[in-house]
Amino acid sequence: MTATVRPLEPSDRAAWEPLWAAYQRFYEVAIPAETTDLTWARFHDPDEMMHALGAFDDDGRLVGIVHAIFHRSCWLPQWTCYLQDLYVEDNQRGLGTGAALIEAVAGLARQNGAGRLYWMTHESNATAQRLYDRIAERSGFIQYRKVL
């Protein structure tokens, strides 16, 4: 299978939602419906620097999603692109779908003049780390969070 990756359109929401829900289950989080609605709206607002791309199989079925956010950095003069969420259906893993989604975000980042693309994964996500170790380099940074 060769995945076709393209920006998600408003009409793709019904196909996107099950993948978004599966992503949340994988990371054991529950994002409120209101936040999901707001996020989906931001993806389609030209004034927001948020993007959603989807990988479609040969039958046109959405099998993977990725979300990217552009922001400024104190370390670079160019934009920075943060790949926030990446999810591929279980039966599509190992087929190049995740790599295709990441490369599509890299292309979007280049197109928008970004100087860096970065992302994180959970330390327990060994499957994803095998892919990431092949296509990128680890930064060595550890993330901390403070609830506000």
N, C-alpha and C. Protein backbone atom coordinates (compact mmCIF):
# COMPACT_ATOMS: atom_id res chain seq x y z
N MET A 1 0.83 -1.19 0.00
CA MET A 1 0.00 0.00 0.00
C MET A 1 0.87 1.25 0.00
N THR A 2 0.48 2.19 -0.80
CA THR A 2 1.11 3.49 -0.79
C THR A 2 0.10 4.49 -0.27
N ALA A 3 0.39 5.09 0.86
CA ALA A 3 -0.54 6.05 1.45
C ALA A 3 -0.46 7.36 0.67
N THR A 4 -1.62 7.94 0.47
CA THR A 4 -1.71 9.28 -0.11
C THR A 4 -1.95 10.23 1.04
N VAL A 5 -1.08 11.21 1.21
CA VAL A 5 -1.20 12.15 2.32
C VAL A 5 -1.64 13.50 1.77
N ARG A 6 -2.63 14.07 2.43
CA ARG A 6 -3.13 15.39 2.04
C ARG A 6 -3.70 16.10 3.27
N PRO A 7 -3.85 17.44 3.18
CA PRO A 7 -4.50 18.16 4.28
C PRO A 7 -5.92 17.65 4.47
N LEU A 8 -6.34 17.57 5.71
CA LEU A 8 -7.72 17.18 5.99
C LEU A 8 -8.64 18.37 5.72
N GLU A 9 -9.79 18.06 5.17
CA GLU A 9 -10.80 19.06 4.84
C GLU A 9 -11.93 18.97 5.85
N PRO A 10 -12.74 20.02 5.97
CA PRO A 10 -13.86 19.94 6.91
C PRO A 10 -14.73 18.70 6.71
N SER A 11 -14.89 18.25 5.48
CA SER A 11 -15.72 17.06 5.21
C SER A 11 -15.08 15.76 5.69
N ASP A 12 -13.82 15.79 6.12
CA ASP A 12 -13.12 14.60 6.62
C ASP A 12 -13.34 14.35 8.11
N ARG A 13 -14.11 15.19 8.76
CA ARG A 13 -14.21 15.08 10.22
C ARG A 13 -14.72 13.72 10.67
N ALA A 14 -15.73 13.17 10.03
CA ALA A 14 -16.29 11.89 10.46
C ALA A 14 -15.25 10.77 10.37
N ALA A 15 -14.34 10.85 9.41
CA ALA A 15 -13.28 9.84 9.29
C ALA A 15 -12.15 10.12 10.29
N TRP A 16 -11.91 11.38 10.60
CA TRP A 16 -10.83 11.79 11.51
C TRP A 16 -11.15 11.42 12.97
N GLU A 17 -12.41 11.61 13.38
CA GLU A 17 -12.76 11.44 14.79
C GLU A 17 -12.42 10.07 15.37
N PRO A 18 -12.67 8.94 14.68
CA PRO A 18 -12.29 7.65 15.27
C PRO A 18 -10.78 7.51 15.46
N LEU A 19 -9.99 8.07 14.57
CA LEU A 19 -8.53 8.01 14.73
C LEU A 19 -8.10 8.90 15.90
N TRP A 20 -8.70 10.07 16.01
CA TRP A 20 -8.41 10.98 17.12
C TRP A 20 -8.78 10.31 18.45
N ALA A 21 -9.91 9.62 18.50
CA ALA A 21 -10.32 8.91 19.71
C ALA A 21 -9.37 7.76 20.02
N ALA A 22 -8.93 7.03 19.00
CA ALA A 22 -7.98 5.92 19.21
C ALA A 22 -6.65 6.45 19.72
N TYR A 23 -6.20 7.58 19.21
CA TYR A 23 -4.97 8.22 19.68
C TYR A 23 -5.08 8.54 21.18
N GLN A 24 -6.21 9.09 21.56
CA GLN A 24 -6.41 9.43 22.98
C GLN A 24 -6.43 8.16 23.85
N ARG A 25 -7.07 7.11 23.36
CA ARG A 25 -7.07 5.85 24.13
C ARG A 25 -5.66 5.32 24.28
N PHE A 26 -4.87 5.40 23.22
CA PHE A 26 -3.50 4.91 23.26
C PHE A 26 -2.71 5.62 24.36
N TYR A 27 -2.87 6.93 24.47
CA TYR A 27 -2.14 7.70 25.48
C TYR A 27 -2.92 7.86 26.79
N GLU A 28 -4.06 7.18 26.89
CA GLU A 28 -4.87 7.16 28.11
C GLU A 28 -5.22 8.57 28.58
N VAL A 29 -5.75 9.35 27.64
CA VAL A 29 -6.24 10.70 27.94
C VAL A 29 -7.66 10.82 27.40
N ALA A 30 -8.38 11.77 27.94
CA ALA A 30 -9.73 12.07 27.46
C ALA A 30 -9.81 13.57 27.23
N ILE A 31 -9.82 13.97 25.98
CA ILE A 31 -9.91 15.39 25.64
C ILE A 31 -11.39 15.73 25.51
N PRO A 32 -11.84 16.78 26.20
CA PRO A 32 -13.27 17.12 26.16
C PRO A 32 -13.75 17.40 24.73
N ALA A 33 -15.00 17.08 24.47
CA ALA A 33 -15.59 17.29 23.14
C ALA A 33 -15.48 18.75 22.70
N GLU A 34 -15.62 19.68 23.64
CA GLU A 34 -15.52 21.10 23.30
C GLU A 34 -14.12 21.44 22.79
N THR A 35 -13.10 20.84 23.39
CA THR A 35 -11.73 21.07 22.95
C THR A 35 -11.50 20.45 21.58
N THR A 36 -12.06 19.26 21.36
CA THR A 36 -11.95 18.63 20.05
C THR A 36 -12.62 19.49 18.99
N ASP A 37 -13.80 20.04 19.29
CA ASP A 37 -14.48 20.93 18.34
C ASP A 37 -13.63 22.15 18.03
N LEU A 38 -13.06 22.75 19.06
CA LEU A 38 -12.22 23.93 18.88
C LEU A 38 -10.97 23.60 18.06
N THR A 39 -10.35 22.47 18.36
CA THR A 39 -9.16 22.05 17.63
C THR A 39 -9.49 21.84 16.15
N TRP A 40 -10.58 21.14 15.88
CA TRP A 40 -10.97 20.91 14.48
C TRP A 40 -11.20 22.23 13.76
N ALA A 41 -11.86 23.18 14.42
CA ALA A 41 -12.09 24.51 13.83
C ALA A 41 -10.78 25.23 13.56
N ARG A 42 -9.83 25.12 14.48
CA ARG A 42 -8.53 25.78 14.29
C ARG A 42 -7.78 25.22 13.09
N PHE A 43 -7.91 23.91 12.85
CA PHE A 43 -7.23 23.32 11.69
C PHE A 43 -7.69 23.97 10.39
N HIS A 44 -8.90 24.48 10.37
CA HIS A 44 -9.48 25.00 9.14
C HIS A 44 -9.61 26.52 9.13
N ASP A 45 -9.00 27.17 10.11
CA ASP A 45 -8.99 28.63 10.20
C ASP A 45 -7.67 29.13 9.61
N PRO A 46 -7.71 29.89 8.52
CA PRO A 46 -6.46 30.34 7.89
C PRO A 46 -5.60 31.25 8.78
N ASP A 47 -6.19 31.80 9.85
CA ASP A 47 -5.43 32.64 10.76
C ASP A 47 -4.72 31.85 11.85
N GLU A 48 -4.98 30.56 11.92
CA GLU A 48 -4.32 29.69 12.90
C GLU A 48 -3.15 28.97 12.24
N MET A 49 -2.09 28.77 12.98
CA MET A 49 -0.91 28.08 12.46
C MET A 49 -0.95 26.60 12.85
N MET A 50 -2.13 26.01 12.73
CA MET A 50 -2.33 24.60 13.06
C MET A 50 -2.79 23.87 11.81
N HIS A 51 -2.28 22.65 11.62
CA HIS A 51 -2.59 21.89 10.42
C HIS A 51 -2.89 20.44 10.78
N ALA A 52 -3.78 19.84 10.01
CA ALA A 52 -4.11 18.41 10.15
C ALA A 52 -3.96 17.77 8.77
N LEU A 53 -3.18 16.70 8.72
CA LEU A 53 -3.00 15.95 7.49
C LEU A 53 -3.49 14.53 7.72
N GLY A 54 -3.88 13.88 6.65
CA GLY A 54 -4.34 12.51 6.75
C GLY A 54 -3.69 11.63 5.72
N ALA A 55 -3.49 10.37 6.08
CA ALA A 55 -2.98 9.35 5.14
C ALA A 55 -4.17 8.50 4.73
N PHE A 56 -4.35 8.35 3.44
CA PHE A 56 -5.47 7.59 2.88
C PHE A 56 -4.92 6.37 2.16
N ASP A 57 -5.57 5.22 2.36
CA ASP A 57 -5.13 4.00 1.70
C ASP A 57 -5.62 3.99 0.25
N ASP A 58 -5.33 2.93 -0.47
CA ASP A 58 -5.68 2.83 -1.89
C ASP A 58 -7.18 2.88 -2.13
N ASP A 59 -7.97 2.56 -1.10
CA ASP A 59 -9.42 2.62 -1.22
C ASP A 59 -9.99 3.97 -0.79
N GLY A 60 -9.11 4.91 -0.44
CA GLY A 60 -9.55 6.23 -0.03
C GLY A 60 -9.96 6.33 1.43
N ARG A 61 -9.65 5.31 2.22
CA ARG A 61 -9.99 5.29 3.65
C ARG A 61 -8.90 5.96 4.45
N LEU A 62 -9.28 6.82 5.38
CA LEU A 62 -8.32 7.49 6.26
C LEU A 62 -7.74 6.48 7.24
N VAL A 63 -6.40 6.31 7.22
CA VAL A 63 -5.76 5.30 8.06
C VAL A 63 -4.71 5.89 9.00
N GLY A 64 -4.44 7.19 8.88
CA GLY A 64 -3.47 7.83 9.76
C GLY A 64 -3.68 9.33 9.76
N ILE A 65 -3.34 9.95 10.89
CA ILE A 65 -3.47 11.40 11.03
C ILE A 65 -2.22 11.98 11.66
N VAL A 66 -1.99 13.24 11.38
CA VAL A 66 -0.90 13.97 12.01
C VAL A 66 -1.33 15.42 12.16
N HIS A 67 -0.95 16.04 13.28
CA HIS A 67 -1.26 17.44 13.55
C HIS A 67 0.05 18.19 13.74
N ALA A 68 0.12 19.38 13.19
CA ALA A 68 1.34 20.18 13.29
C ALA A 68 0.99 21.62 13.65
N ILE A 69 1.86 22.23 14.43
CA ILE A 69 1.67 23.60 14.89
C ILE A 69 2.96 24.38 14.63
N PHE A 70 2.83 25.54 14.03
CA PHE A 70 3.99 26.41 13.79
C PHE A 70 4.06 27.45 14.90
N HIS A 71 5.28 27.71 15.36
CA HIS A 71 5.48 28.75 16.38
C HIS A 71 6.86 29.36 16.22
N ARG A 72 7.06 30.49 16.87
CA ARG A 72 8.36 31.17 16.88
C ARG A 72 9.27 30.50 17.92
N SER A 73 10.55 30.78 17.81
CA SER A 73 11.53 30.21 18.73
C SER A 73 12.56 31.27 19.10
N CYS A 74 13.07 31.19 20.29
CA CYS A 74 14.17 32.06 20.71
C CYS A 74 15.50 31.57 20.14
N TRP A 75 15.53 30.37 19.59
CA TRP A 75 16.77 29.76 19.13
C TRP A 75 16.98 29.87 17.63
N LEU A 76 15.93 30.19 16.89
CA LEU A 76 16.02 30.24 15.43
C LEU A 76 15.30 31.47 14.90
N PRO A 77 15.79 32.05 13.81
CA PRO A 77 15.07 33.17 13.22
C PRO A 77 13.83 32.72 12.44
N GLN A 78 13.81 31.47 11.99
CA GLN A 78 12.69 30.97 11.21
C GLN A 78 11.60 30.41 12.13
N TRP A 79 10.48 30.06 11.52
CA TRP A 79 9.43 29.36 12.23
C TRP A 79 9.95 28.00 12.69
N THR A 80 9.34 27.48 13.71
CA THR A 80 9.58 26.11 14.17
C THR A 80 8.27 25.35 14.01
N CYS A 81 8.36 24.10 13.61
CA CYS A 81 7.16 23.28 13.43
C CYS A 81 7.18 22.15 14.45
N TYR A 82 6.12 22.09 15.22
CA TYR A 82 5.95 21.04 16.22
C TYR A 82 4.93 20.03 15.71
N LEU A 83 5.35 18.81 15.55
CA LEU A 83 4.46 17.71 15.18
C LEU A 83 3.86 17.22 16.49
N GLN A 84 2.61 17.61 16.75
CA GLN A 84 2.05 17.33 18.07
C GLN A 84 1.45 15.94 18.19
N ASP A 85 0.71 15.50 17.20
CA ASP A 85 0.01 14.23 17.30
C ASP A 85 0.24 13.42 16.02
N LEU A 86 0.53 12.14 16.18
CA LEU A 86 0.67 11.23 15.05
C LEU A 86 0.02 9.92 15.44
N TYR A 87 -0.91 9.45 14.60
CA TYR A 87 -1.56 8.17 14.87
C TYR A 87 -1.79 7.45 13.56
N VAL A 88 -1.45 6.17 13.55
CA VAL A 88 -1.67 5.29 12.41
C VAL A 88 -2.40 4.06 12.93
N GLU A 89 -3.43 3.62 12.20
CA GLU A 89 -4.16 2.42 12.60
C GLU A 89 -3.21 1.25 12.77
N ASP A 90 -3.52 0.38 13.72
CA ASP A 90 -2.66 -0.76 14.03
C ASP A 90 -2.29 -1.57 12.78
N ASN A 91 -3.26 -1.85 11.93
CA ASN A 91 -2.99 -2.71 10.77
C ASN A 91 -2.22 -2.00 9.66
N GLN A 92 -1.93 -0.72 9.84
CA GLN A 92 -1.16 0.05 8.85
C GLN A 92 0.28 0.29 9.31
N ARG A 93 0.58 -0.08 10.54
CA ARG A 93 1.93 0.17 11.06
C ARG A 93 2.93 -0.75 10.38
N GLY A 94 4.10 -0.21 10.14
CA GLY A 94 5.15 -0.97 9.47
C GLY A 94 5.05 -0.93 7.96
N LEU A 95 4.10 -0.18 7.43
CA LEU A 95 3.90 -0.09 5.98
C LEU A 95 4.40 1.23 5.40
N GLY A 96 4.97 2.08 6.24
CA GLY A 96 5.48 3.36 5.77
C GLY A 96 4.51 4.52 5.93
N THR A 97 3.35 4.26 6.53
CA THR A 97 2.34 5.32 6.67
C THR A 97 2.81 6.40 7.64
N GLY A 98 3.35 6.01 8.78
CA GLY A 98 3.86 7.00 9.74
C GLY A 98 4.97 7.84 9.14
N ALA A 99 5.90 7.19 8.46
CA ALA A 99 7.00 7.92 7.82
C ALA A 99 6.47 8.88 6.76
N ALA A 100 5.45 8.46 6.00
CA ALA A 100 4.86 9.32 4.98
C ALA A 100 4.20 10.55 5.61
N LEU A 101 3.53 10.35 6.75
CA LEU A 101 2.91 11.48 7.44
C LEU A 101 3.97 12.45 7.96
N ILE A 102 5.04 11.93 8.53
CA ILE A 102 6.11 12.79 9.03
C ILE A 102 6.76 13.55 7.87
N GLU A 103 7.00 12.87 6.77
CA GLU A 103 7.62 13.54 5.62
C GLU A 103 6.69 14.61 5.06
N ALA A 104 5.39 14.38 5.10
CA ALA A 104 4.45 15.40 4.63
C ALA A 104 4.51 16.64 5.53
N VAL A 105 4.63 16.43 6.84
CA VAL A 105 4.77 17.56 7.75
C VAL A 105 6.10 18.27 7.49
N ALA A 106 7.17 17.51 7.23
CA ALA A 106 8.46 18.12 6.91
C ALA A 106 8.33 18.98 5.64
N GLY A 107 7.59 18.49 4.65
CA GLY A 107 7.37 19.28 3.45
C GLY A 107 6.59 20.55 3.74
N LEU A 108 5.56 20.45 4.57
CA LEU A 108 4.79 21.61 4.98
C LEU A 108 5.68 22.61 5.72
N ALA A 109 6.54 22.09 6.58
CA ALA A 109 7.45 22.95 7.34
C ALA A 109 8.42 23.67 6.40
N ARG A 110 8.97 22.95 5.43
CA ARG A 110 9.86 23.59 4.46
C ARG A 110 9.12 24.66 3.66
N GLN A 111 7.93 24.33 3.23
CA GLN A 111 7.11 25.24 2.43
C GLN A 111 6.83 26.53 3.19
N ASN A 112 6.71 26.43 4.52
CA ASN A 112 6.42 27.60 5.35
C ASN A 112 7.66 28.22 5.96
N GLY A 113 8.83 27.82 5.48
CA GLY A 113 10.08 28.45 5.92
C GLY A 113 10.52 28.09 7.32
N ALA A 114 10.12 26.94 7.82
CA ALA A 114 10.53 26.54 9.17
C ALA A 114 11.99 26.10 9.16
N GLY A 115 12.66 26.36 10.25
CA GLY A 115 14.05 25.95 10.41
C GLY A 115 14.21 24.64 11.16
N ARG A 116 13.12 24.17 11.76
CA ARG A 116 13.20 22.92 12.53
C ARG A 116 11.82 22.28 12.61
N LEU A 117 11.83 20.97 12.57
CA LEU A 117 10.65 20.15 12.85
C LEU A 117 11.01 19.27 14.03
N TYR A 118 10.15 19.22 15.02
CA TYR A 118 10.42 18.37 16.19
C TYR A 118 9.13 17.74 16.68
N TRP A 119 9.29 16.67 17.47
CA TRP A 119 8.16 15.99 18.08
C TRP A 119 8.64 15.21 19.28
N MET A 120 7.68 14.69 20.04
CA MET A 120 7.97 13.89 21.22
C MET A 120 7.16 12.60 21.12
N THR A 121 7.55 11.62 21.90
CA THR A 121 6.74 10.44 22.10
C THR A 121 6.93 9.98 23.54
N HIS A 122 6.04 9.15 23.98
CA HIS A 122 6.15 8.64 25.34
C HIS A 122 7.30 7.64 25.40
N GLU A 123 7.99 7.60 26.53
CA GLU A 123 9.13 6.70 26.68
C GLU A 123 8.77 5.24 26.52
N SER A 124 7.50 4.90 26.70
CA SER A 124 7.07 3.51 26.56
C SER A 124 6.68 3.13 25.12
N ASN A 125 6.67 4.09 24.22
CA ASN A 125 6.23 3.84 22.85
C ASN A 125 7.40 3.36 21.99
N ALA A 126 7.81 2.13 22.23
CA ALA A 126 8.98 1.57 21.54
C ALA A 126 8.75 1.42 20.05
N THR A 127 7.53 1.11 19.63
CA THR A 127 7.24 0.94 18.20
C THR A 127 7.51 2.24 17.46
N ALA A 128 6.98 3.33 17.98
CA ALA A 128 7.20 4.63 17.34
C ALA A 128 8.68 5.01 17.37
N GLN A 129 9.35 4.73 18.47
CA GLN A 129 10.75 5.09 18.58
C GLN A 129 11.62 4.40 17.55
N ARG A 130 11.27 3.17 17.16
CA ARG A 130 12.04 2.49 16.11
C ARG A 130 11.97 3.27 14.80
N LEU A 131 10.79 3.77 14.47
CA LEU A 131 10.64 4.61 13.27
C LEU A 131 11.40 5.91 13.44
N TYR A 132 11.19 6.60 14.53
CA TYR A 132 11.80 7.91 14.75
C TYR A 132 13.33 7.83 14.75
N ASP A 133 13.87 6.77 15.33
CA ASP A 133 15.32 6.61 15.35
C ASP A 133 15.90 6.42 13.95
N ARG A 134 15.10 5.91 13.03
CA ARG A 134 15.56 5.74 11.64
C ARG A 134 15.52 7.04 10.85
N ILE A 135 14.56 7.93 11.15
CA ILE A 135 14.35 9.09 10.28
C ILE A 135 14.75 10.43 10.89
N ALA A 136 15.10 10.43 12.17
CA ALA A 136 15.44 11.69 12.84
C ALA A 136 16.47 11.41 13.93
N GLU A 137 16.88 12.47 14.60
CA GLU A 137 17.82 12.29 15.72
C GLU A 137 17.17 12.73 17.02
N ARG A 138 17.49 12.02 18.08
CA ARG A 138 16.98 12.39 19.41
C ARG A 138 17.67 13.66 19.88
N SER A 139 16.89 14.53 20.49
CA SER A 139 17.45 15.79 20.97
C SER A 139 18.15 15.65 22.31
N GLY A 140 17.77 14.65 23.08
CA GLY A 140 18.35 14.48 24.40
C GLY A 140 17.60 15.25 25.49
N PHE A 141 16.62 16.04 25.11
CA PHE A 141 15.85 16.82 26.09
C PHE A 141 14.75 15.97 26.70
N ILE A 142 14.42 16.24 27.94
CA ILE A 142 13.35 15.59 28.67
C ILE A 142 12.28 16.64 28.93
N GLN A 143 11.04 16.31 28.68
CA GLN A 143 9.95 17.26 28.88
C GLN A 143 9.43 17.21 30.31
N TYR A 144 9.15 18.39 30.87
CA TYR A 144 8.49 18.52 32.16
C TYR A 144 7.22 19.33 31.95
N ARG A 145 6.23 19.10 32.80
CA ARG A 145 4.97 19.83 32.71
C ARG A 145 4.57 20.33 34.10
N LYS A 146 3.97 21.50 34.11
CA LYS A 146 3.38 22.03 35.33
C LYS A 146 1.93 22.40 35.02
N VAL A 147 1.02 21.77 35.69
CA VAL A 147 -0.39 22.04 35.46
C VAL A 147 -0.71 23.45 35.95
N LEU A 148 -1.41 24.20 35.12
CA LEU A 148 -1.78 25.59 35.48
C LEU A 148 -3.27 25.73 35.69
